[in-house]
């Protein structure tokens, strides 16, 4: 039970801190890096991918710090890692089609995430974006 609680906590912290970082830091002082994600690209990689490396590094450090005792740090690192894997699948594969493995989602929840992220990308400006989370998005995007 201990492991499940801290894994879920790591996942949840990532969603809510991700929302905050996306809205106030990526669309704030680090816009020069994040804007590469809001512009058309001919490359598979974008400068914005540095954020994924940062978050992945935090997960790795937590896992390494907690692996000897399988303490809360290990399980929070696992939660962040699960978040990162799901983020890559939903954001990079389903939404942005960096790998063209699937068509547009048909599942109501995934379609809501898809619509919210498309609304986020309706502008390529720093200050005009909406919907900064990935898994927690406003209800209006789930309506048909």
N, C-alpha and C. Protein backbone atom coordinates (compact mmCIF):
# COMPACT_ATOMS: atom_id res chain seq x y z
N UNK A 1 0.82 -1.20 0.00
CA UNK A 1 0.00 0.00 0.00
C UNK A 1 0.86 1.26 0.00
N UNK A 2 1.95 1.23 0.77
CA UNK A 2 2.90 2.32 0.87
C UNK A 2 3.43 2.69 -0.52
N UNK A 3 3.80 1.67 -1.29
CA UNK A 3 4.34 1.89 -2.63
C UNK A 3 3.31 2.54 -3.54
N UNK A 4 2.08 2.09 -3.47
CA UNK A 4 1.01 2.63 -4.32
C UNK A 4 0.76 4.09 -3.99
N UNK A 5 0.70 4.41 -2.72
CA UNK A 5 0.42 5.79 -2.30
C UNK A 5 1.50 6.75 -2.83
N UNK A 6 2.77 6.39 -2.67
CA UNK A 6 3.84 7.29 -3.11
C UNK A 6 4.00 7.31 -4.64
N UNK A 7 3.65 6.21 -5.29
CA UNK A 7 3.67 6.20 -6.76
C UNK A 7 2.59 7.15 -7.29
N UNK A 8 1.39 7.05 -6.75
CA UNK A 8 0.29 7.94 -7.15
C UNK A 8 0.63 9.39 -6.79
N UNK A 9 1.24 9.59 -5.65
CA UNK A 9 1.63 10.94 -5.23
C UNK A 9 2.65 11.53 -6.21
N UNK A 10 3.64 10.75 -6.61
CA UNK A 10 4.63 11.22 -7.58
C UNK A 10 3.98 11.59 -8.89
N UNK A 11 3.04 10.77 -9.35
CA UNK A 11 2.30 11.04 -10.60
C UNK A 11 1.51 12.34 -10.46
N UNK A 12 0.76 12.47 -9.36
CA UNK A 12 -0.09 13.65 -9.15
C UNK A 12 0.75 14.93 -9.01
N UNK A 13 1.84 14.85 -8.29
CA UNK A 13 2.71 16.02 -8.14
C UNK A 13 3.23 16.45 -9.51
N UNK A 14 3.53 15.48 -10.36
CA UNK A 14 4.03 15.80 -11.70
C UNK A 14 2.96 16.51 -12.52
N UNK A 15 1.72 16.07 -12.44
CA UNK A 15 0.66 16.73 -13.21
C UNK A 15 0.47 18.18 -12.74
N UNK A 16 0.39 18.38 -11.44
CA UNK A 16 0.11 19.72 -10.94
C UNK A 16 1.34 20.64 -11.00
N UNK A 17 2.52 20.12 -10.73
CA UNK A 17 3.71 20.96 -10.89
C UNK A 17 3.96 21.19 -12.38
N UNK A 18 3.65 20.19 -13.21
CA UNK A 18 3.79 20.37 -14.66
C UNK A 18 2.90 21.49 -15.17
N UNK A 19 1.65 21.56 -14.66
CA UNK A 19 0.73 22.63 -15.04
C UNK A 19 1.34 23.98 -14.67
N UNK A 20 1.82 24.08 -13.43
CA UNK A 20 2.39 25.34 -12.94
C UNK A 20 3.63 25.73 -13.76
N UNK A 21 4.53 24.78 -13.96
CA UNK A 21 5.76 25.05 -14.71
C UNK A 21 5.44 25.44 -16.15
N UNK A 22 4.47 24.73 -16.75
CA UNK A 22 4.09 25.03 -18.13
C UNK A 22 3.54 26.45 -18.24
N UNK A 23 2.62 26.78 -17.35
CA UNK A 23 1.96 28.09 -17.44
C UNK A 23 2.87 29.25 -17.05
N UNK A 24 3.59 29.11 -15.95
CA UNK A 24 4.31 30.26 -15.40
C UNK A 24 5.81 30.29 -15.73
N UNK A 25 6.38 29.18 -16.10
CA UNK A 25 7.82 29.18 -16.42
C UNK A 25 8.05 28.97 -17.92
N UNK A 26 7.42 27.95 -18.49
CA UNK A 26 7.60 27.72 -19.93
C UNK A 26 6.97 28.84 -20.75
N UNK A 27 5.81 29.33 -20.31
CA UNK A 27 5.16 30.46 -20.98
C UNK A 27 5.55 31.76 -20.28
N UNK A 28 6.63 31.73 -19.57
CA UNK A 28 7.18 32.89 -18.88
C UNK A 28 8.64 33.05 -19.24
N UNK A 29 9.52 33.00 -18.22
CA UNK A 29 10.93 33.29 -18.48
C UNK A 29 11.64 32.29 -19.41
N UNK A 30 11.14 31.06 -19.52
CA UNK A 30 11.79 30.08 -20.39
C UNK A 30 11.05 29.90 -21.73
N UNK A 31 10.29 30.92 -22.12
CA UNK A 31 9.57 30.88 -23.39
C UNK A 31 10.51 30.66 -24.57
N UNK A 32 11.71 31.19 -24.50
CA UNK A 32 12.65 31.05 -25.63
C UNK A 32 12.96 29.58 -25.93
N UNK A 33 12.87 28.73 -24.93
CA UNK A 33 13.05 27.29 -25.15
C UNK A 33 11.72 26.66 -25.56
N UNK A 34 10.66 26.96 -24.83
CA UNK A 34 9.36 26.32 -25.05
C UNK A 34 8.72 26.73 -26.38
N UNK A 35 9.01 27.91 -26.88
CA UNK A 35 8.36 28.36 -28.11
C UNK A 35 8.66 27.44 -29.29
N UNK A 36 9.75 26.68 -29.21
CA UNK A 36 10.05 25.74 -30.30
C UNK A 36 8.97 24.67 -30.43
N UNK A 37 8.22 24.46 -29.35
CA UNK A 37 7.12 23.51 -29.37
C UNK A 37 5.86 24.10 -30.00
N UNK A 38 5.80 25.41 -30.07
CA UNK A 38 4.64 26.11 -30.64
C UNK A 38 4.88 26.55 -32.08
N UNK A 39 6.01 26.18 -32.62
CA UNK A 39 6.34 26.54 -34.00
C UNK A 39 6.45 25.27 -34.84
N UNK A 40 6.14 25.37 -36.13
CA UNK A 40 6.31 24.21 -37.01
C UNK A 40 7.78 23.77 -37.01
N UNK A 41 7.98 22.47 -37.04
CA UNK A 41 9.34 21.95 -37.01
C UNK A 41 9.51 20.86 -38.06
N UNK A 42 10.67 20.84 -38.67
CA UNK A 42 10.99 19.78 -39.63
C UNK A 42 11.82 18.69 -38.98
N UNK A 43 12.20 18.91 -37.75
CA UNK A 43 13.04 17.97 -37.02
C UNK A 43 12.20 17.14 -36.05
N UNK A 44 12.66 15.95 -35.75
CA UNK A 44 11.98 15.11 -34.77
C UNK A 44 12.12 15.71 -33.37
N UNK A 45 13.27 16.28 -33.08
CA UNK A 45 13.53 16.88 -31.78
C UNK A 45 13.35 18.39 -31.83
N UNK A 46 13.01 18.96 -30.66
CA UNK A 46 12.88 20.40 -30.52
C UNK A 46 13.64 20.80 -29.26
N UNK A 47 14.03 22.04 -29.18
CA UNK A 47 14.72 22.53 -27.99
C UNK A 47 13.87 22.29 -26.74
N UNK A 48 12.57 22.36 -26.89
CA UNK A 48 11.62 22.13 -25.80
C UNK A 48 11.79 20.76 -25.15
N UNK A 49 12.36 19.80 -25.86
CA UNK A 49 12.56 18.45 -25.31
C UNK A 49 13.51 18.46 -24.12
N UNK A 50 14.24 19.54 -23.94
CA UNK A 50 15.11 19.66 -22.77
C UNK A 50 14.32 19.55 -21.47
N UNK A 51 13.07 20.02 -21.48
CA UNK A 51 12.24 19.92 -20.28
C UNK A 51 11.98 18.45 -19.92
N UNK A 52 11.78 17.61 -20.91
CA UNK A 52 11.59 16.18 -20.64
C UNK A 52 12.83 15.57 -20.01
N UNK A 53 13.99 15.99 -20.49
CA UNK A 53 15.24 15.50 -19.89
C UNK A 53 15.36 15.94 -18.44
N UNK A 54 14.95 17.16 -18.14
CA UNK A 54 14.99 17.66 -16.78
C UNK A 54 14.08 16.84 -15.87
N UNK A 55 12.82 16.66 -16.29
CA UNK A 55 11.87 15.91 -15.47
C UNK A 55 12.29 14.45 -15.34
N UNK A 56 12.81 13.87 -16.42
CA UNK A 56 13.30 12.50 -16.36
C UNK A 56 14.48 12.36 -15.41
N UNK A 57 15.34 13.38 -15.39
CA UNK A 57 16.50 13.36 -14.48
C UNK A 57 16.06 13.40 -13.02
N UNK A 58 15.02 14.16 -12.73
CA UNK A 58 14.49 14.21 -11.36
C UNK A 58 14.00 12.83 -10.95
N UNK A 59 13.29 12.16 -11.84
CA UNK A 59 12.79 10.81 -11.55
C UNK A 59 13.95 9.85 -11.30
N UNK A 60 14.97 9.92 -12.13
CA UNK A 60 16.12 9.02 -11.99
C UNK A 60 16.83 9.25 -10.66
N UNK A 61 17.03 10.52 -10.30
CA UNK A 61 17.70 10.83 -9.03
C UNK A 61 16.88 10.28 -7.86
N UNK A 62 15.56 10.49 -7.88
CA UNK A 62 14.72 9.97 -6.80
C UNK A 62 14.79 8.45 -6.72
N UNK A 63 14.74 7.79 -7.86
CA UNK A 63 14.82 6.33 -7.87
C UNK A 63 16.16 5.87 -7.29
N UNK A 64 17.25 6.49 -7.71
CA UNK A 64 18.58 6.10 -7.22
C UNK A 64 18.74 6.37 -5.72
N UNK A 65 18.19 7.48 -5.25
CA UNK A 65 18.29 7.80 -3.82
C UNK A 65 17.49 6.83 -2.95
N UNK A 66 16.42 6.28 -3.50
CA UNK A 66 15.55 5.43 -2.69
C UNK A 66 15.62 3.95 -2.98
N UNK A 67 16.43 3.54 -3.94
CA UNK A 67 16.42 2.14 -4.37
C UNK A 67 16.96 1.18 -3.30
N UNK A 68 17.89 1.62 -2.49
CA UNK A 68 18.47 0.71 -1.50
C UNK A 68 17.47 0.28 -0.44
N UNK A 69 16.52 1.16 -0.10
CA UNK A 69 15.51 0.81 0.91
C UNK A 69 14.11 0.76 0.34
N UNK A 70 13.98 1.01 -0.95
CA UNK A 70 12.66 1.13 -1.59
C UNK A 70 11.76 2.06 -0.79
N UNK A 71 12.31 3.21 -0.43
CA UNK A 71 11.56 4.18 0.36
C UNK A 71 10.71 5.08 -0.55
N UNK A 72 10.12 6.10 0.05
CA UNK A 72 9.20 6.98 -0.65
C UNK A 72 9.82 7.62 -1.89
N UNK A 73 11.13 7.92 -1.85
CA UNK A 73 11.79 8.55 -3.00
C UNK A 73 11.76 7.63 -4.22
N UNK A 74 12.01 6.36 -3.99
CA UNK A 74 11.97 5.38 -5.08
C UNK A 74 10.59 5.37 -5.72
N UNK A 75 9.55 5.25 -4.90
CA UNK A 75 8.19 5.13 -5.44
C UNK A 75 7.71 6.43 -6.06
N UNK A 76 8.12 7.57 -5.52
CA UNK A 76 7.77 8.84 -6.17
C UNK A 76 8.47 8.95 -7.51
N UNK A 77 9.72 8.51 -7.59
CA UNK A 77 10.43 8.48 -8.87
C UNK A 77 9.75 7.57 -9.87
N UNK A 78 9.22 6.45 -9.40
CA UNK A 78 8.46 5.54 -10.27
C UNK A 78 7.20 6.25 -10.77
N UNK A 79 6.50 6.95 -9.89
CA UNK A 79 5.29 7.69 -10.28
C UNK A 79 5.59 8.75 -11.33
N UNK A 80 6.69 9.48 -11.15
CA UNK A 80 7.09 10.48 -12.13
C UNK A 80 7.45 9.81 -13.46
N UNK A 81 8.10 8.66 -13.38
CA UNK A 81 8.47 7.91 -14.60
C UNK A 81 7.23 7.43 -15.34
N UNK A 82 6.25 6.94 -14.62
CA UNK A 82 4.99 6.51 -15.25
C UNK A 82 4.32 7.71 -15.92
N UNK A 83 4.30 8.83 -15.22
CA UNK A 83 3.76 10.06 -15.80
C UNK A 83 4.49 10.38 -17.10
N UNK A 84 5.81 10.33 -17.08
CA UNK A 84 6.60 10.65 -18.26
C UNK A 84 6.32 9.73 -19.44
N UNK A 85 6.16 8.44 -19.15
CA UNK A 85 5.86 7.49 -20.23
C UNK A 85 4.48 7.75 -20.82
N UNK A 86 3.50 7.98 -19.96
CA UNK A 86 2.14 8.29 -20.45
C UNK A 86 2.12 9.63 -21.17
N UNK A 87 2.87 10.60 -20.68
CA UNK A 87 2.97 11.90 -21.33
C UNK A 87 3.52 11.73 -22.75
N UNK A 88 4.60 10.96 -22.88
CA UNK A 88 5.18 10.73 -24.20
C UNK A 88 4.15 10.08 -25.12
N UNK A 89 3.46 9.07 -24.63
CA UNK A 89 2.48 8.37 -25.45
C UNK A 89 1.34 9.30 -25.87
N UNK A 90 0.75 10.00 -24.90
CA UNK A 90 -0.42 10.84 -25.21
C UNK A 90 0.00 12.11 -25.94
N UNK A 91 0.97 12.83 -25.41
CA UNK A 91 1.33 14.13 -25.96
C UNK A 91 2.10 14.00 -27.28
N UNK A 92 3.13 13.19 -27.28
CA UNK A 92 4.00 13.14 -28.46
C UNK A 92 3.50 12.20 -29.55
N UNK A 93 2.83 11.12 -29.17
CA UNK A 93 2.37 10.17 -30.19
C UNK A 93 0.93 10.44 -30.61
N UNK A 94 0.00 10.50 -29.64
CA UNK A 94 -1.41 10.70 -30.01
C UNK A 94 -1.73 12.12 -30.46
N UNK A 95 -1.24 13.11 -29.73
CA UNK A 95 -1.60 14.50 -30.03
C UNK A 95 -0.73 15.08 -31.14
N UNK A 96 0.58 15.05 -30.96
CA UNK A 96 1.47 15.71 -31.93
C UNK A 96 1.95 14.79 -33.04
N UNK A 97 1.67 13.51 -32.93
CA UNK A 97 1.97 12.53 -33.99
C UNK A 97 3.45 12.52 -34.38
N UNK A 98 4.32 12.64 -33.38
CA UNK A 98 5.76 12.57 -33.66
C UNK A 98 6.12 11.17 -34.16
N UNK A 99 5.39 10.20 -33.72
CA UNK A 99 5.44 8.84 -34.27
C UNK A 99 4.02 8.55 -34.74
N UNK A 100 3.86 8.18 -35.95
CA UNK A 100 2.52 8.02 -36.52
C UNK A 100 2.03 6.58 -36.34
N UNK A 101 1.81 6.22 -35.08
CA UNK A 101 1.38 4.86 -34.75
C UNK A 101 -0.13 4.73 -34.69
N UNK A 102 -0.83 5.80 -34.35
CA UNK A 102 -2.28 5.73 -34.15
C UNK A 102 -2.97 6.90 -34.82
N UNK A 103 -4.26 6.73 -35.09
CA UNK A 103 -5.07 7.83 -35.61
C UNK A 103 -5.51 8.71 -34.44
N UNK A 104 -6.24 9.75 -34.77
CA UNK A 104 -6.81 10.63 -33.74
C UNK A 104 -7.61 9.78 -32.75
N UNK A 105 -7.48 10.06 -31.45
CA UNK A 105 -8.17 9.21 -30.46
C UNK A 105 -9.68 9.28 -30.59
N UNK A 106 -10.33 8.17 -30.29
CA UNK A 106 -11.80 8.09 -30.30
C UNK A 106 -12.38 7.98 -28.89
N UNK A 107 -11.55 7.55 -27.94
CA UNK A 107 -11.94 7.46 -26.55
C UNK A 107 -12.30 8.86 -26.05
N UNK A 108 -13.42 8.99 -25.33
CA UNK A 108 -13.91 10.31 -24.90
C UNK A 108 -12.88 11.07 -24.06
N UNK A 109 -12.23 10.40 -23.14
CA UNK A 109 -11.23 11.05 -22.29
C UNK A 109 -10.02 11.50 -23.12
N UNK A 110 -9.49 10.60 -23.94
CA UNK A 110 -8.33 10.96 -24.77
C UNK A 110 -8.68 12.04 -25.78
N UNK A 111 -9.90 12.00 -26.29
CA UNK A 111 -10.34 13.04 -27.23
C UNK A 111 -10.43 14.40 -26.52
N UNK A 112 -10.86 14.42 -25.26
CA UNK A 112 -10.89 15.66 -24.48
C UNK A 112 -9.49 16.23 -24.28
N UNK A 113 -8.54 15.35 -23.97
CA UNK A 113 -7.15 15.78 -23.83
C UNK A 113 -6.65 16.34 -25.17
N UNK A 114 -6.98 15.65 -26.24
CA UNK A 114 -6.58 16.06 -27.59
C UNK A 114 -7.12 17.46 -27.90
N UNK A 115 -8.41 17.68 -27.64
CA UNK A 115 -9.03 18.98 -27.91
C UNK A 115 -8.41 20.09 -27.06
N UNK A 116 -8.17 19.79 -25.78
CA UNK A 116 -7.57 20.79 -24.89
C UNK A 116 -6.18 21.18 -25.37
N UNK A 117 -5.43 20.19 -25.82
CA UNK A 117 -4.07 20.51 -26.27
C UNK A 117 -4.10 21.26 -27.61
N UNK A 118 -5.06 20.94 -28.44
CA UNK A 118 -5.20 21.70 -29.69
C UNK A 118 -5.58 23.15 -29.38
N UNK A 119 -6.42 23.35 -28.37
CA UNK A 119 -6.77 24.71 -27.97
C UNK A 119 -5.52 25.43 -27.45
N UNK A 120 -4.66 24.70 -26.75
CA UNK A 120 -3.42 25.28 -26.25
C UNK A 120 -2.54 25.75 -27.41
N UNK A 121 -2.55 25.00 -28.48
CA UNK A 121 -1.71 25.33 -29.64
C UNK A 121 -2.42 26.19 -30.68
N UNK A 122 -3.60 26.68 -30.34
CA UNK A 122 -4.31 27.56 -31.28
C UNK A 122 -3.54 28.88 -31.47
N UNK A 123 -2.62 29.15 -30.58
CA UNK A 123 -1.77 30.33 -30.70
C UNK A 123 -0.31 29.91 -30.59
N UNK A 124 0.56 30.67 -31.19
CA UNK A 124 1.98 30.41 -31.01
C UNK A 124 2.62 31.56 -30.23
N UNK A 125 1.78 32.26 -29.48
CA UNK A 125 2.25 33.39 -28.67
C UNK A 125 2.37 32.97 -27.21
N UNK A 126 3.26 33.61 -26.53
CA UNK A 126 3.56 33.33 -25.14
C UNK A 126 2.36 33.52 -24.21
N UNK A 127 1.59 34.59 -24.43
CA UNK A 127 0.57 34.98 -23.47
C UNK A 127 -0.86 34.58 -23.81
N UNK A 128 -1.11 34.04 -24.98
CA UNK A 128 -2.49 33.77 -25.39
C UNK A 128 -2.94 32.32 -25.21
N UNK A 129 -2.10 31.46 -24.67
CA UNK A 129 -2.42 30.04 -24.59
C UNK A 129 -3.39 29.74 -23.44
N UNK A 130 -4.09 28.63 -23.58
CA UNK A 130 -5.02 28.12 -22.57
C UNK A 130 -4.66 26.66 -22.30
N UNK A 131 -5.26 26.08 -21.28
CA UNK A 131 -5.17 24.65 -21.00
C UNK A 131 -3.72 24.16 -20.91
N UNK A 132 -3.15 24.24 -19.72
CA UNK A 132 -1.73 23.93 -19.54
C UNK A 132 -1.47 22.54 -18.98
N UNK A 133 -2.49 21.85 -18.50
CA UNK A 133 -2.29 20.51 -17.96
C UNK A 133 -2.35 19.46 -19.06
N UNK A 134 -2.08 18.22 -18.70
CA UNK A 134 -2.21 17.15 -19.68
C UNK A 134 -3.36 16.23 -19.32
N UNK A 135 -3.38 15.70 -18.12
CA UNK A 135 -4.41 14.74 -17.73
C UNK A 135 -5.62 15.40 -17.09
N UNK A 136 -5.41 16.56 -16.46
CA UNK A 136 -6.51 17.30 -15.84
C UNK A 136 -6.78 18.51 -16.73
N UNK A 137 -7.89 18.45 -17.45
CA UNK A 137 -8.25 19.53 -18.37
C UNK A 137 -9.69 19.97 -18.09
N UNK A 138 -10.04 21.20 -18.46
CA UNK A 138 -11.41 21.68 -18.23
C UNK A 138 -12.47 20.80 -18.88
N UNK A 139 -13.62 20.71 -18.21
CA UNK A 139 -14.72 19.86 -18.67
C UNK A 139 -15.21 20.21 -20.07
N UNK A 140 -15.09 21.46 -20.46
CA UNK A 140 -15.62 21.88 -21.76
C UNK A 140 -15.01 21.12 -22.92
N UNK A 141 -13.82 20.57 -22.75
CA UNK A 141 -13.17 19.84 -23.85
C UNK A 141 -13.70 18.41 -24.00
N UNK A 142 -14.53 17.99 -23.07
CA UNK A 142 -15.10 16.64 -23.15
C UNK A 142 -16.49 16.64 -23.78
N UNK A 143 -17.00 17.84 -24.06
CA UNK A 143 -18.31 17.94 -24.70
C UNK A 143 -18.17 17.75 -26.20
N UNK A 144 -19.18 17.21 -26.81
CA UNK A 144 -19.11 16.95 -28.26
C UNK A 144 -19.35 18.18 -29.06
